[in-house]
PDB file of N, CA and C in Angstrom:
ATOM      1  N   MET A   1       7.527 -87.550 -46.950  1.00  0.00           N
ATOM      2  CA  MET A   1       7.280 -87.266 -45.627  1.00  0.00           C
ATOM      3  C   MET A   1       6.992 -88.363 -45.047  1.00  0.00           C
ATOM      4  N   GLU A   2       7.607 -88.397 -43.628  1.00  0.00           N
ATOM      5  CA  GLU A   2       7.452 -89.495 -42.749  1.00  0.00           C
ATOM      6  C   GLU A   2       6.054 -89.780 -42.289  1.00  0.00           C
ATOM      7  N   GLN A   3       5.566 -91.154 -42.283  1.00  0.00           N
ATOM      8  CA  GLN A   3       4.564 -91.507 -41.529  1.00  0.00           C
ATOM      9  C   GLN A   3       4.649 -91.696 -40.038  1.00  0.00           C
ATOM     10  N   PRO A   4       3.772 -91.589 -39.370  1.00  0.00           N
ATOM     11  CA  PRO A   4       3.830 -91.845 -37.887  1.00  0.00           C
ATOM     12  C   PRO A   4       3.877 -93.331 -37.437  1.00  0.00           C
ATOM     13  N   ALA A   5       4.932 -93.559 -36.786  1.00  0.00           N
ATOM     14  CA  ALA A   5       4.731 -94.939 -36.137  1.00  0.00           C
ATOM     15  C   ALA A   5       3.628 -95.599 -35.653  1.00  0.00           C
ATOM     16  N   PRO A   6       3.155 -96.693 -36.287  1.00  0.00           N
ATOM     17  CA  PRO A   6       1.982 -97.128 -35.595  1.00  0.00           C
ATOM     18  C   PRO A   6       1.741 -97.484 -34.367  1.00  0.00           C
ATOM     19  N   GLU A   7       0.648 -97.109 -33.771  1.00  0.00           N
ATOM     20  CA  GLU A   7       0.550 -97.352 -32.250  1.00  0.00           C
ATOM     21  C   GLU A   7       0.576 -98.677 -31.824  1.00  0.00           C
ATOM     22  N   VAL A   8       1.399 -98.818 -31.142  1.00  0.00           N
ATOM     23  CA  VAL A   8       1.357-100.218 -30.571  1.00  0.00           C
ATOM     24  C   VAL A   8       0.509-100.563 -29.159  1.00  0.00           C
ATOM     25  N   THR A   9      -0.230-101.037 -29.209  1.00  0.00           N
ATOM     26  CA  THR A   9      -1.368-101.447 -28.086  1.00  0.00           C
ATOM     27  C   THR A   9      -0.949-103.028 -27.790  1.00  0.00           C
ATOM     28  N   GLN A  10      -0.603-103.187 -26.375  1.00  0.00           N
ATOM     29  CA  GLN A  10      -0.167-104.490 -25.946  1.00  0.00           C
ATOM     30  C   GLN A  10      -1.351-104.627 -24.951  1.00  0.00           C
ATOM     31  N   GLU A  11      -2.003-105.688 -25.185  1.00  0.00           N
ATOM     32  CA  GLU A  11      -2.876-106.332 -24.191  1.00  0.00           C
ATOM     33  C   GLU A  11      -2.232-107.247 -23.317  1.00  0.00           C
ATOM     34  N   ARG A  12      -2.465-107.231 -22.205  1.00  0.00           N
ATOM     35  CA  ARG A  12      -1.879-108.066 -21.402  1.00  0.00           C
ATOM     36  C   ARG A  12      -2.553-109.270 -21.278  1.00  0.00           C
ATOM     37  N   PRO A  13      -1.739-110.365 -21.097  1.00  0.00           N
ATOM     38  CA  PRO A  13      -2.436-111.624 -21.169  1.00  0.00           C
ATOM     39  C   PRO A  13      -3.722-111.999 -20.131  1.00  0.00           C
ATOM     40  N   SER A  14      -4.537-112.687 -20.632  1.00  0.00           N
ATOM     41  CA  SER A  14      -5.582-112.891 -19.694  1.00  0.00           C
ATOM     42  C   SER A  14      -5.408-113.995 -18.680  1.00  0.00           C
ATOM     43  N   PHE A  15      -6.330-113.647 -17.628  1.00  0.00           N
ATOM     44  CA  PHE A  15      -5.659-114.687 -16.324  1.00  0.00           C
ATOM     45  C   PHE A  15      -5.409-116.196 -16.795  1.00  0.00           C
ATOM     46  N   GLU A  16      -6.328-116.621 -17.638  1.00  0.00           N
ATOM     47  CA  GLU A  16      -6.438-118.077 -18.175  1.00  0.00           C
ATOM     48  C   GLU A  16      -5.077-118.277 -18.895  1.00  0.00           C
ATOM     49  N   VAL A  17      -4.725-117.334 -19.395  1.00  0.00           N
ATOM     50  CA  VAL A  17      -3.346-117.442 -20.217  1.00  0.00           C
ATOM     51  C   VAL A  17      -2.458-117.765 -19.547  1.00  0.00           C
ATOM     52  N   ASN A  18      -2.417-116.786 -18.384  1.00  0.00           N
ATOM     53  CA  ASN A  18      -1.243-116.682 -17.394  1.00  0.00           C
ATOM     54  C   ASN A  18      -1.162-118.077 -16.721  1.00  0.00           C
ATOM     55  N   LEU A  19      -2.606-118.516 -16.241  1.00  0.00           N
ATOM     56  CA  LEU A  19      -2.380-119.505 -15.431  1.00  0.00           C
ATOM     57  C   LEU A  19      -2.003-120.771 -16.335  1.00  0.00           C
ATOM     58  N   GLN A  20      -2.471-121.083 -17.480  1.00  0.00           N
ATOM     59  CA  GLN A  20      -1.879-121.936 -18.463  1.00  0.00           C
ATOM     60  C   GLN A  20      -0.426-121.939 -18.564  1.00  0.00           C
ATOM     61  N   ARG A  21       0.017-120.764 -18.607  1.00  0.00           N
ATOM     62  CA  ARG A  21       1.727-120.812 -18.922  1.00  0.00           C
ATOM     63  C   ARG A  21       2.329-121.445 -17.452  1.00  0.00           C
ATOM     64  N   LEU A  22       1.760-120.776 -16.106  1.00  0.00           N
ATOM     65  CA  LEU A  22       2.211-121.375 -15.330  1.00  0.00           C
ATOM     66  C   LEU A  22       2.322-122.818 -14.818  1.00  0.00           C
ATOM     67  N   GLU A  23       1.145-123.538 -15.538  1.00  0.00           N
ATOM     68  CA  GLU A  23       1.111-124.728 -15.308  1.00  0.00           C
ATOM     69  C   GLU A  23       1.963-125.491 -16.306  1.00  0.00           C
ATOM     70  N   GLU A  24       2.404-124.847 -17.510  1.00  0.00           N
ATOM     71  CA  GLU A  24       3.432-125.264 -18.406  1.00  0.00           C
ATOM     72  C   GLU A  24       4.684-125.355 -17.716  1.00  0.00           C
ATOM     73  N   VAL A  25       5.022-124.207 -17.168  1.00  0.00           N
ATOM     74  CA  VAL A  25       6.162-123.971 -16.454  1.00  0.00           C
ATOM     75  C   VAL A  25       6.413-125.088 -15.405  1.00  0.00           C
ATOM     76  N   VAL A  26       5.337-125.361 -14.657  1.00  0.00           N
ATOM     77  CA  VAL A  26       5.574-126.104 -13.325  1.00  0.00           C
ATOM     78  C   VAL A  26       5.922-127.732 -13.838  1.00  0.00           C
ATOM     79  N   GLN A  27       5.034-128.031 -15.080  1.00  0.00           N
ATOM     80  CA  GLN A  27       5.157-129.322 -15.525  1.00  0.00           C
ATOM     81  C   GLN A  27       6.736-129.494 -16.050  1.00  0.00           C
ATOM     82  N   LEU A  28       7.243-128.438 -16.667  1.00  0.00           N
ATOM     83  CA  LEU A  28       8.490-128.515 -17.256  1.00  0.00           C
ATOM     84  C   LEU A  28       9.356-128.787 -15.824  1.00  0.00           C
ATOM     85  N   LEU A  29       9.503-127.910 -14.846  1.00  0.00           N
ATOM     86  CA  LEU A  29      10.358-128.020 -14.002  1.00  0.00           C
ATOM     87  C   LEU A  29      10.404-129.393 -13.216  1.00  0.00           C
ATOM     88  N   GLU A  30       8.958-129.985 -13.375  1.00  0.00           N
ATOM     89  CA  GLU A  30       8.747-131.066 -12.526  1.00  0.00           C
ATOM     90  C   GLU A  30       9.536-132.407 -13.279  1.00  0.00           C
ATOM     91  N   THR A  31      10.052-132.178 -14.597  1.00  0.00           N
ATOM     92  CA  THR A  31      10.219-133.104 -15.334  1.00  0.00           C
ATOM     93  C   THR A  31      11.852-133.453 -14.996  1.00  0.00           C
ATOM     94  N   GLY A  32      12.549-132.697 -14.065  1.00  0.00           N
ATOM     95  CA  GLY A  32      13.778-132.640 -13.852  1.00  0.00           C
ATOM     96  C   GLY A  32      14.721-132.827 -14.950  1.00  0.00           C
ATOM     97  N   GLU A  33      14.474-132.743 -16.047  1.00  0.00           N
ATOM     98  CA  GLU A  33      15.250-132.988 -17.248  1.00  0.00           C
ATOM     99  C   GLU A  33      16.179-131.500 -17.606  1.00  0.00           C
ATOM    100  N   LEU A  34      16.141-130.430 -17.086  1.00  0.00           N
ATOM    101  CA  LEU A  34      16.373-129.514 -17.736  1.00  0.00           C
ATOM    102  C   LEU A  34      18.021-128.780 -17.004  1.00  0.00           C
ATOM    103  N   SER A  35      18.405-128.298 -17.738  1.00  0.00           N
ATOM    104  CA  SER A  35      19.667-127.653 -17.548  1.00  0.00           C
ATOM    105  C   SER A  35      19.480-126.821 -16.265  1.00  0.00           C
ATOM    106  N   LEU A  36      20.719-126.341 -15.469  1.00  0.00           N
ATOM    107  CA  LEU A  36      20.345-125.628 -14.334  1.00  0.00           C
ATOM    108  C   LEU A  36      19.821-124.370 -14.858  1.00  0.00           C
ATOM    109  N   GLU A  37      20.466-123.678 -15.839  1.00  0.00           N
ATOM    110  CA  GLU A  37      20.245-122.438 -16.428  1.00  0.00           C
ATOM    111  C   GLU A  37      18.697-122.363 -17.049  1.00  0.00           C
ATOM    112  N   ARG A  38      18.246-123.366 -17.485  1.00  0.00           N
ATOM    113  CA  ARG A  38      16.985-123.292 -18.023  1.00  0.00           C
ATOM    114  C   ARG A  38      16.007-123.341 -17.003  1.00  0.00           C
ATOM    115  N   ALA A  39      16.228-124.167 -15.923  1.00  0.00           N
ATOM    116  CA  ALA A  39      15.305-124.373 -14.621  1.00  0.00           C
ATOM    117  C   ALA A  39      15.259-123.123 -14.051  1.00  0.00           C
ATOM    118  N   LEU A  40      16.589-122.372 -13.886  1.00  0.00           N
ATOM    119  CA  LEU A  40      16.131-121.170 -13.272  1.00  0.00           C
ATOM    120  C   LEU A  40      15.555-120.077 -13.959  1.00  0.00           C
ATOM    121  N   ALA A  41      15.795-120.066 -15.242  1.00  0.00           N
ATOM    122  CA  ALA A  41      14.930-119.155 -16.267  1.00  0.00           C
ATOM    123  C   ALA A  41      13.452-119.447 -15.946  1.00  0.00           C
ATOM    124  N   LEU A  42      13.122-120.819 -15.859  1.00  0.00           N
ATOM    125  CA  LEU A  42      11.717-121.239 -15.881  1.00  0.00           C
ATOM    126  C   LEU A  42      11.164-120.812 -14.646  1.00  0.00           C
ATOM    127  N   LEU A  43      11.960-120.982 -13.328  1.00  0.00           N
ATOM    128  CA  LEU A  43      11.529-120.543 -12.062  1.00  0.00           C
ATOM    129  C   LEU A  43      11.115-118.991 -11.892  1.00  0.00           C
ATOM    130  N   GLN A  44      12.141-118.239 -12.600  1.00  0.00           N
ATOM    131  CA  GLN A  44      12.032-117.060 -12.463  1.00  0.00           C
ATOM    132  C   GLN A  44      10.655-116.625 -13.369  1.00  0.00           C
ATOM    133  N   GLU A  45      10.386-117.251 -14.369  1.00  0.00           N
ATOM    134  CA  GLU A  45       9.065-117.001 -15.109  1.00  0.00           C
ATOM    135  C   GLU A  45       8.025-117.183 -14.380  1.00  0.00           C
ATOM    136  N   GLY A  46       7.828-118.387 -13.699  1.00  0.00           N
ATOM    137  CA  GLY A  46       7.078-118.999 -13.017  1.00  0.00           C
ATOM    138  C   GLY A  46       6.654-117.786 -11.799  1.00  0.00           C
ATOM    139  N   MET A  47       7.924-117.347 -11.130  1.00  0.00           N
ATOM    140  CA  MET A  47       7.515-116.520  -9.742  1.00  0.00           C
ATOM    141  C   MET A  47       6.805-115.068 -10.384  1.00  0.00           C
ATOM    142  N   GLY A  48       7.212-114.827 -11.428  1.00  0.00           N
ATOM    143  CA  GLY A  48       6.668-113.498 -11.994  1.00  0.00           C
ATOM    144  C   GLY A  48       5.251-114.004 -12.230  1.00  0.00           C
ATOM    145  N   LEU A  49       4.940-115.163 -12.983  1.00  0.00           N
ATOM    146  CA  LEU A  49       3.633-115.101 -13.338  1.00  0.00           C
ATOM    147  C   LEU A  49       2.845-115.328 -12.085  1.00  0.00           C
ATOM    148  N   VAL A  50       3.216-116.001 -10.828  1.00  0.00           N
ATOM    149  CA  VAL A  50       2.623-116.034  -9.618  1.00  0.00           C
ATOM    150  C   VAL A  50       2.215-114.544  -9.298  1.00  0.00           C
ATOM    151  N   ARG A  51       3.095-113.735  -9.374  1.00  0.00           N
ATOM    152  CA  ARG A  51       2.705-112.352  -8.982  1.00  0.00           C
ATOM    153  C   ARG A  51       1.917-111.525  -9.758  1.00  0.00           C
ATOM    154  N   VAL A  52       1.764-111.808 -11.018  1.00  0.00           N
ATOM    155  CA  VAL A  52       0.977-111.472 -12.037  1.00  0.00           C
ATOM    156  C   VAL A  52      -0.537-111.625 -11.740  1.00  0.00           C
ATOM    157  N   LEU A  53      -0.473-113.132 -11.695  1.00  0.00           N
ATOM    158  CA  LEU A  53      -1.699-113.913 -11.165  1.00  0.00           C
ATOM    159  C   LEU A  53      -2.399-113.467  -9.984  1.00  0.00           C
ATOM    160  N   GLY A  54      -1.622-112.975  -8.834  1.00  0.00           N
ATOM    161  CA  GLY A  54      -1.924-112.593  -7.748  1.00  0.00           C
ATOM    162  C   GLY A  54      -2.729-111.114  -7.546  1.00  0.00           C
ATOM    163  N   GLY A  55      -2.074-110.312  -8.639  1.00  0.00           N
ATOM    164  CA  GLY A  55      -2.525-108.806  -8.955  1.00  0.00           C
ATOM    165  C   GLY A  55      -3.987-108.964  -9.652  1.00  0.00           C
ATOM    166  N   GLN A  56      -3.862-110.000 -10.636  1.00  0.00           N
ATOM    167  CA  GLN A  56      -4.973-110.138 -11.300  1.00  0.00           C
ATOM    168  C   GLN A  56      -6.490-110.670 -10.480  1.00  0.00           C
ATOM    169  N   LEU A  57      -5.917-111.512  -9.600  1.00  0.00           N
ATOM    170  CA  LEU A  57      -7.164-112.074  -8.656  1.00  0.00           C
ATOM    171  C   LEU A  57      -7.368-110.493  -7.805  1.00  0.00           C
ATOM    172  N   ASP A  58      -6.550-109.847  -7.265  1.00  0.00           N
ATOM    173  CA  ASP A  58      -7.013-108.858  -6.070  1.00  0.00           C
ATOM    174  C   ASP A  58      -7.678-107.776  -7.163  1.00  0.00           C
ATOM    175  N   GLU A  59      -7.403-107.688  -8.428  1.00  0.00           N
ATOM    176  CA  GLU A  59      -8.188-106.704  -9.337  1.00  0.00           C
ATOM    177  C   GLU A  59      -9.543-107.361  -9.335  1.00  0.00           C
ATOM    178  N   ALA A  60      -9.555-108.516  -9.570  1.00  0.00           N
ATOM    179  CA  ALA A  60     -11.043-109.010  -9.931  1.00  0.00           C
ATOM    180  C   ALA A  60     -11.859-108.954  -8.552  1.00  0.00           C
ATOM    181  N   GLU A  61     -11.204-109.382  -7.530  1.00  0.00           N
ATOM    182  CA  GLU A  61     -11.928-108.937  -6.193  1.00  0.00           C
ATOM    183  C   GLU A  61     -12.226-107.837  -5.848  1.00  0.00           C
ATOM    184  N   SER A  62     -11.615-106.694  -6.346  1.00  0.00           N
ATOM    185  CA  SER A  62     -11.842-105.350  -6.059  1.00  0.00           C
ATOM    186  C   SER A  62     -13.244-105.115  -6.669  1.00  0.00           C
ATOM    187  N   ARG A  63     -12.996-105.337  -8.108  1.00  0.00           N
ATOM    188  CA  ARG A  63     -14.288-105.082  -9.116  1.00  0.00           C
ATOM    189  C   ARG A  63     -15.463-105.917  -8.578  1.00  0.00           C
ATOM    190  N   ILE A  64     -15.467-107.031  -8.089  1.00  0.00           N
ATOM    191  CA  ILE A  64     -16.631-107.838  -7.347  1.00  0.00           C
ATOM    192  C   ILE A  64     -17.184-107.087  -6.111  1.00  0.00           C
ATOM    193  N   ASP A  65     -16.281-106.486  -5.235  1.00  0.00           N
ATOM    194  CA  ASP A  65     -16.639-105.857  -3.861  1.00  0.00           C
ATOM    195  C   ASP A  65     -17.478-104.409  -4.442  1.00  0.00           C
ATOM    196  N   GLN A  66     -16.630-103.777  -5.606  1.00  0.00           N
ATOM    197  CA  GLN A  66     -17.168-102.539  -5.806  1.00  0.00           C
ATOM    198  C   GLN A  66     -18.683-102.750  -6.536  1.00  0.00           C
ATOM    199  N   ALA A  67     -18.768-103.911  -7.215  1.00  0.00           N
ATOM    200  CA  ALA A  67     -20.061-104.288  -8.238  1.00  0.00           C
ATOM    201  C   ALA A  67     -21.150-104.607  -6.940  1.00  0.00           C
ATOM    202  N   ILE A  68     -20.762-105.338  -5.749  1.00  0.00           N
ATOM    203  CA  ILE A  68     -21.671-105.420  -4.852  1.00  0.00           C
ATOM    204  C   ILE A  68     -22.075-104.463  -4.138  1.00  0.00           C
ATOM    205  N   LYS A  69     -21.059-103.361  -3.718  1.00  0.00           N
ATOM    206  CA  LYS A  69     -21.491-102.211  -2.996  1.00  0.00           C
ATOM    207  C   LYS A  69     -22.517-101.440  -4.087  1.00  0.00           C
ATOM    208  N   GLY A  70     -22.143-101.235  -5.450  1.00  0.00           N
ATOM    209  CA  GLY A  70     -22.873-100.274  -6.115  1.00  0.00           C
ATOM    210  C   GLY A  70     -24.163-100.951  -6.095  1.00  0.00           C
ATOM    211  N   ALA A  71     -24.328-102.360  -6.065  1.00  0.00           N
ATOM    212  CA  ALA A  71     -25.814-102.661  -6.083  1.00  0.00           C
ATOM    213  C   ALA A  71     -26.668-102.806  -4.470  1.00  0.00           C
ATOM    214  N   GLY A  72     -25.945-101.786  -3.797  1.00  0.00           N
ATOM    215  CA  GLY A  72     -26.472-101.853  -2.330  1.00  0.00           C
ATOM    216  C   GLY A  72     -26.336-103.199  -1.463  1.00  0.00           C
ATOM    217  N   GLY A  73     -25.230-103.912  -1.848  1.00  0.00           N
ATOM    218  CA  GLY A  73     -24.923-105.241  -0.797  1.00  0.00           C
ATOM    219  C   GLY A  73     -23.837-104.839   0.108  1.00  0.00           C
ATOM    220  N   THR A  74     -23.611-105.828   0.716  1.00  0.00           N
ATOM    221  CA  THR A  74     -22.883-106.070   1.789  1.00  0.00           C
ATOM    222  C   THR A  74     -21.443-106.633   1.420  1.00  0.00           C
ATOM    223  N   VAL A  75     -20.570-106.195   1.577  1.00  0.00           N
ATOM    224  CA  VAL A  75     -19.247-106.810   1.193  1.00  0.00           C
ATOM    225  C   VAL A  75     -18.787-107.427   2.590  1.00  0.00           C
ATOM    226  N   LEU A  76     -18.821-108.884   2.415  1.00  0.00           N
ATOM    227  CA  LEU A  76     -17.928-109.641   3.527  1.00  0.00           C
ATOM    228  C   LEU A  76     -16.281-109.267   3.703  1.00  0.00           C
ATOM    229  N   VAL A  77     -15.940-109.295   4.936  1.00  0.00           N
ATOM    230  CA  VAL A  77     -14.792-109.232   5.248  1.00  0.00           C
ATOM    231  C   VAL A  77     -14.054-110.423   5.147  1.00  0.00           C
ATOM    232  N   PRO A  78     -12.995-110.722   4.550  1.00  0.00           N
ATOM    233  CA  PRO A  78     -12.392-111.993   4.811  1.00  0.00           C
ATOM    234  C   PRO A  78     -11.896-112.293   6.201  1.00  0.00           C
ATOM    235  N   LEU A  79     -11.653-113.613   6.434  1.00  0.00           N
ATOM    236  CA  LEU A  79     -11.138-113.984   7.658  1.00  0.00           C
ATOM    237  C   LEU A  79      -9.556-114.038   7.812  1.00  0.00           C
ATOM    238  N   ALA A  80      -9.053-113.858   8.779  1.00  0.00           N
ATOM    239  CA  ALA A  80      -7.623-113.685   8.711  1.00  0.00           C
ATOM    240  C   ALA A  80      -7.010-115.014   8.357  1.00  0.00           C
ATOM    241  N   LYS A  81      -6.085-115.346   7.796  1.00  0.00           N
ATOM    242  CA  LYS A  81      -5.062-116.213   7.474  1.00  0.00           C
ATOM    243  C   LYS A  81      -4.702-117.014   8.698  1.00  0.00           C
ATOM    244  N   GLU A  82      -4.347-118.137   8.970  1.00  0.00           N
ATOM    245  CA  GLU A  82      -4.142-118.923   9.891  1.00  0.00           C
ATOM    246  C   GLU A  82      -2.283-119.148   9.613  1.00  0.00           C
ATOM    247  N   GLY A  83      -1.715-119.263  10.636  1.00  0.00           N
ATOM    248  CA  GLY A  83      -0.603-119.692  10.409  1.00  0.00           C
ATOM    249  C   GLY A  83       0.488-118.247  10.016  1.00  0.00           C
ATOM    250  N   PRO A  84       1.765-118.460   9.812  1.00  0.00           N
ATOM    251  CA  PRO A  84       2.968-117.584   9.497  1.00  0.00           C
ATOM    252  C   PRO A  84       2.633-116.966   8.510  1.00  0.00           C
TER     253      PRO A  84
END
């Protein structure tokens, strides 16, 4: 009798882990000693990490806003960003 496949639960990396990896990627790119292919791969990884980190920050901000609203507080509206 076949046993069911074990359930795979993948935890997404924490903000801190993603930020640390992004810092590593930037350091590697700044050395200037990479092949073009390696540099492009790292650039793509870094851009993906930037998107993930932005999403994690947005999620954290939303959770903070909800906590403040739930406590009867006032949520401040951020000022518009300057520039393009």
